[in-house]
Amino acid sequence: MSGSKKALLVTTVSGFVPQFEMNNVRLLQERGYEVHYASNFDMPSYGDNNDRLKGTGIRCHQIAFAREPWNRKNMSAVRELTALIRREGFHLLHCHTPMGATCARIAAARASLHNVIYTAHGFHFFDGAPKKNWLIYY
């Protein structure tokens, strides 16, 4: 593990960080963090490509997340994220989007990373939501 602090942002689909999280990225960078972004860059959202990440200083990691909770790709995503967290020695994990966050929190637990933030967007676990939403996303 290097001497610099490292933060990992995780989303299911790419485009989320440049669209919504650049202020947080800048805050982390100003505080000395090396910022990494794990996402499925083969599924760009909020734009047609990932060009907005160029020149930001963010290190990107391809993880083949699936949006569907029961898709087997998500088991591989957990394994890949666990290995990434252990290899890079992250100090902080900030996850967004339901499946990316679910996989990331499981991987963080497996890798003994305790500084985990989950920002819920869309509130899939509101009062009256199906019980499966509460089990999967909360």
C-alpha atoms as a PDB file:
ATOM      1  CA  MET A   1       0.000   0.000   0.000  1.00  0.00           C
ATOM      2  CA  SER A   2       1.414   3.387  -0.969  1.00  0.00           C
ATOM      3  CA  GLY A   3       1.593   6.418   1.307  1.00  0.00           C
ATOM      4  CA  SER A   4      -1.188   8.345  -0.417  1.00  0.00           C
ATOM      5  CA  LYS A   5      -4.798   8.133   0.653  1.00  0.00           C
ATOM      6  CA  LYS A   6      -7.040   6.416  -1.877  1.00  0.00           C
ATOM      7  CA  ALA A   7     -10.787   6.628  -2.415  1.00  0.00           C
ATOM      8  CA  LEU A   8     -12.851   4.318  -4.611  1.00  0.00           C
ATOM      9  CA  LEU A   9     -16.134   5.471  -6.139  1.00  0.00           C
ATOM     10  CA  VAL A  10     -18.381   2.683  -7.439  1.00  0.00           C
ATOM     11  CA  THR A  11     -21.400   2.826  -9.748  1.00  0.00           C
ATOM     12  CA  THR A  12     -23.112   0.168 -11.819  1.00  0.00           C
ATOM     13  CA  VAL A  13     -22.966   2.109 -15.088  1.00  0.00           C
ATOM     14  CA  SER A  14     -20.411   4.676 -16.188  1.00  0.00           C
ATOM     15  CA  GLY A  15     -21.250   8.316 -16.595  1.00  0.00           C
ATOM     16  CA  PHE A  16     -22.622   8.704 -13.085  1.00  0.00           C
ATOM     17  CA  VAL A  17     -19.476  10.226 -11.592  1.00  0.00           C
ATOM     18  CA  PRO A  18     -18.877  12.886 -14.267  1.00  0.00           C
ATOM     19  CA  GLN A  19     -22.589  13.729 -14.259  1.00  0.00           C
ATOM     20  CA  PHE A  20     -23.191  13.949 -10.504  1.00  0.00           C
ATOM     21  CA  GLU A  21     -20.053  13.466  -8.413  1.00  0.00           C
ATOM     22  CA  MET A  22     -17.320  15.781  -9.730  1.00  0.00           C
ATOM     23  CA  ASN A  23     -17.661  18.164  -6.776  1.00  0.00           C
ATOM     24  CA  ASN A  24     -17.019  15.225  -4.442  1.00  0.00           C
ATOM     25  CA  VAL A  25     -14.085  14.120  -6.596  1.00  0.00           C
ATOM     26  CA  ARG A  26     -12.531  17.594  -6.373  1.00  0.00           C
ATOM     27  CA  LEU A  27     -13.052  17.711  -2.595  1.00  0.00           C
ATOM     28  CA  LEU A  28     -11.328  14.364  -2.186  1.00  0.00           C
ATOM     29  CA  GLN A  29      -8.462  15.370  -4.475  1.00  0.00           C
ATOM     30  CA  GLU A  30      -8.001  18.671  -2.598  1.00  0.00           C
ATOM     31  CA  ARG A  31      -7.691  16.651   0.609  1.00  0.00           C
ATOM     32  CA  GLY A  32      -4.924  14.513  -0.868  1.00  0.00           C
ATOM     33  CA  TYR A  33      -6.892  11.495  -2.037  1.00  0.00           C
ATOM     34  CA  GLU A  34      -6.066   9.592  -5.187  1.00  0.00           C
ATOM     35  CA  VAL A  35      -9.537   8.969  -6.646  1.00  0.00           C
ATOM     36  CA  HIS A  36     -10.437   5.724  -8.414  1.00  0.00           C
ATOM     37  CA  TYR A  37     -13.701   4.895 -10.179  1.00  0.00           C
ATOM     38  CA  ALA A  38     -14.993   1.340 -10.681  1.00  0.00           C
ATOM     39  CA  SER A  39     -17.909   0.941 -13.066  1.00  0.00           C
ATOM     40  CA  ASN A  40     -19.123  -0.928 -16.111  1.00  0.00           C
ATOM     41  CA  PHE A  41     -17.622   1.341 -18.746  1.00  0.00           C
ATOM     42  CA  ASP A  42     -19.237  -0.808 -21.437  1.00  0.00           C
ATOM     43  CA  MET A  43     -22.608   0.595 -20.279  1.00  0.00           C
ATOM     44  CA  PRO A  44     -22.259   4.379 -20.461  1.00  0.00           C
ATOM     45  CA  SER A  45     -25.159   6.311 -19.060  1.00  0.00           C
ATOM     46  CA  TYR A  46     -25.755  10.057 -18.864  1.00  0.00           C
ATOM     47  CA  GLY A  47     -23.911  10.427 -22.163  1.00  0.00           C
ATOM     48  CA  ASP A  48     -22.760   8.300 -25.048  1.00  0.00           C
ATOM     49  CA  ASN A  49     -19.183   7.701 -23.913  1.00  0.00           C
ATOM     50  CA  ASN A  50     -16.710   8.173 -21.090  1.00  0.00           C
ATOM     51  CA  ASP A  51     -14.761  11.127 -22.534  1.00  0.00           C
ATOM     52  CA  ARG A  52     -15.761  13.421 -19.660  1.00  0.00           C
ATOM     53  CA  LEU A  53     -13.420  11.484 -17.369  1.00  0.00           C
ATOM     54  CA  LYS A  54     -10.341  12.482 -19.398  1.00  0.00           C
ATOM     55  CA  GLY A  55      -8.138  14.969 -17.615  1.00  0.00           C
ATOM     56  CA  THR A  56      -9.850  14.526 -14.234  1.00  0.00           C
ATOM     57  CA  GLY A  57      -7.062  12.524 -12.617  1.00  0.00           C
ATOM     58  CA  ILE A  58      -9.499   9.715 -11.836  1.00  0.00           C
ATOM     59  CA  ARG A  59      -8.110   6.177 -12.270  1.00  0.00           C
ATOM     60  CA  CYS A  60     -10.775   3.990 -13.878  1.00  0.00           C
ATOM     61  CA  HIS A  61     -11.363   0.269 -13.335  1.00  0.00           C
ATOM     62  CA  GLN A  62     -13.679  -1.801 -15.542  1.00  0.00           C
ATOM     63  CA  ILE A  63     -16.026  -4.031 -13.537  1.00  0.00           C
ATOM     64  CA  ALA A  64     -18.731  -5.842 -15.524  1.00  0.00           C
ATOM     65  CA  PHE A  65     -21.687  -5.105 -13.240  1.00  0.00           C
ATOM     66  CA  ALA A  66     -25.183  -6.066 -14.337  1.00  0.00           C
ATOM     67  CA  ARG A  67     -28.230  -4.046 -13.359  1.00  0.00           C
ATOM     68  CA  GLU A  68     -30.303  -7.142 -12.583  1.00  0.00           C
ATOM     69  CA  PRO A  69     -29.822  -8.356  -8.985  1.00  0.00           C
ATOM     70  CA  TRP A  70     -29.686 -12.063  -9.781  1.00  0.00           C
ATOM     71  CA  ASN A  71     -27.346 -11.846 -12.782  1.00  0.00           C
ATOM     72  CA  ARG A  72     -24.253 -14.033 -12.286  1.00  0.00           C
ATOM     73  CA  LYS A  73     -22.023 -11.220 -13.537  1.00  0.00           C
ATOM     74  CA  ASN A  74     -22.519  -9.561 -10.172  1.00  0.00           C
ATOM     75  CA  MET A  75     -20.821 -12.482  -8.377  1.00  0.00           C
ATOM     76  CA  SER A  76     -17.783 -11.924 -10.594  1.00  0.00           C
ATOM     77  CA  ALA A  77     -18.038  -8.199  -9.925  1.00  0.00           C
ATOM     78  CA  VAL A  78     -17.828  -8.840  -6.169  1.00  0.00           C
ATOM     79  CA  ARG A  79     -14.700 -10.981  -6.656  1.00  0.00           C
ATOM     80  CA  GLU A  80     -13.085  -8.357  -8.904  1.00  0.00           C
ATOM     81  CA  LEU A  81     -13.911  -5.531  -6.491  1.00  0.00           C
ATOM     82  CA  THR A  82     -12.590  -7.493  -3.512  1.00  0.00           C
ATOM     83  CA  ALA A  83      -9.294  -8.052  -5.341  1.00  0.00           C
ATOM     84  CA  LEU A  84      -9.142  -4.386  -6.395  1.00  0.00           C
ATOM     85  CA  ILE A  85      -9.749  -3.148  -2.838  1.00  0.00           C
ATOM     86  CA  ARG A  86      -7.052  -5.438  -1.454  1.00  0.00           C
ATOM     87  CA  ARG A  87      -4.559  -4.607  -4.227  1.00  0.00           C
ATOM     88  CA  GLU A  88      -4.967  -0.826  -4.051  1.00  0.00           C
ATOM     89  CA  GLY A  89      -5.401  -0.488  -0.280  1.00  0.00           C
ATOM     90  CA  PHE A  90      -8.270   2.001  -0.376  1.00  0.00           C
ATOM     91  CA  HIS A  91      -9.014   4.111   2.683  1.00  0.00           C
ATOM     92  CA  LEU A  92     -12.540   5.038   1.622  1.00  0.00           C
ATOM     93  CA  LEU A  93     -15.290   3.501  -0.493  1.00  0.00           C
ATOM     94  CA  HIS A  94     -18.158   5.680  -1.716  1.00  0.00           C
ATOM     95  CA  CYS A  95     -20.771   3.702  -3.610  1.00  0.00           C
ATOM     96  CA  HIS A  96     -23.820   4.740  -5.599  1.00  0.00           C
ATOM     97  CA  THR A  97     -26.541   2.977  -7.630  1.00  0.00           C
ATOM     98  CA  PRO A  98     -28.222  -0.135  -6.225  1.00  0.00           C
ATOM     99  CA  MET A  99     -26.256  -3.020  -7.732  1.00  0.00           C
ATOM    100  CA  GLY A 100     -22.881  -1.311  -7.744  1.00  0.00           C
ATOM    101  CA  ALA A 101     -23.404  -0.390  -4.108  1.00  0.00           C
ATOM    102  CA  THR A 102     -24.551  -3.879  -3.123  1.00  0.00           C
ATOM    103  CA  CYS A 103     -21.544  -5.521  -4.771  1.00  0.00           C
ATOM    104  CA  ALA A 104     -19.175  -2.886  -3.380  1.00  0.00           C
ATOM    105  CA  ARG A 105     -20.393  -3.260   0.207  1.00  0.00           C
ATOM    106  CA  ILE A 106     -20.026  -7.045   0.054  1.00  0.00           C
ATOM    107  CA  ALA A 107     -16.521  -6.662  -1.413  1.00  0.00           C
ATOM    108  CA  ALA A 108     -15.571  -4.091   1.238  1.00  0.00           C
ATOM    109  CA  ALA A 109     -16.672  -6.458   4.009  1.00  0.00           C
ATOM    110  CA  ARG A 110     -14.651  -9.292   2.470  1.00  0.00           C
ATOM    111  CA  ALA A 111     -11.586  -7.041   2.149  1.00  0.00           C
ATOM    112  CA  SER A 112     -12.003  -5.567   5.671  1.00  0.00           C
ATOM    113  CA  LEU A 113     -12.509  -2.013   4.395  1.00  0.00           C
ATOM    114  CA  HIS A 114     -14.601  -0.273   7.044  1.00  0.00           C
ATOM    115  CA  ASN A 115     -14.864   3.306   5.739  1.00  0.00           C
ATOM    116  CA  VAL A 116     -17.855   2.797   3.465  1.00  0.00           C
ATOM    117  CA  ILE A 117     -20.391   5.395   2.363  1.00  0.00           C
ATOM    118  CA  TYR A 118     -23.531   4.474   0.430  1.00  0.00           C
ATOM    119  CA  THR A 119     -25.447   7.362  -1.053  1.00  0.00           C
ATOM    120  CA  ALA A 120     -28.934   6.223  -1.994  1.00  0.00           C
ATOM    121  CA  HIS A 121     -30.310   7.742  -5.180  1.00  0.00           C
ATOM    122  CA  GLY A 122     -33.937   7.044  -6.037  1.00  0.00           C
ATOM    123  CA  PHE A 123     -34.806   5.420  -2.705  1.00  0.00           C
ATOM    124  CA  HIS A 124     -35.678   1.899  -3.817  1.00  0.00           C
ATOM    125  CA  PHE A 125     -36.515   1.068  -0.186  1.00  0.00           C
ATOM    126  CA  PHE A 126     -39.291   3.583   0.543  1.00  0.00           C
ATOM    127  CA  ASP A 127     -42.313   2.786   2.753  1.00  0.00           C
ATOM    128  CA  GLY A 128     -44.579   0.559   0.706  1.00  0.00           C
ATOM    129  CA  ALA A 129     -41.786  -0.715  -1.557  1.00  0.00           C
ATOM    130  CA  PRO A 130     -41.675  -4.477  -2.136  1.00  0.00           C
ATOM    131  CA  LYS A 131     -39.860  -6.421   0.599  1.00  0.00           C
ATOM    132  CA  LYS A 132     -37.328  -7.658  -1.958  1.00  0.00           C
ATOM    133  CA  ASN A 133     -36.243  -4.030  -2.499  1.00  0.00           C
ATOM    134  CA  TRP A 134     -35.548  -3.681   1.215  1.00  0.00           C
ATOM    135  CA  LEU A 135     -33.613  -6.952   1.288  1.00  0.00           C
ATOM    136  CA  ILE A 136     -31.520  -6.166  -1.783  1.00  0.00           C
ATOM    137  CA  TYR A 137     -30.924  -2.437  -1.661  1.00  0.00           C
ATOM    138  CA  TYR A 138     -30.994  -1.405   2.019  1.00  0.00           C
END
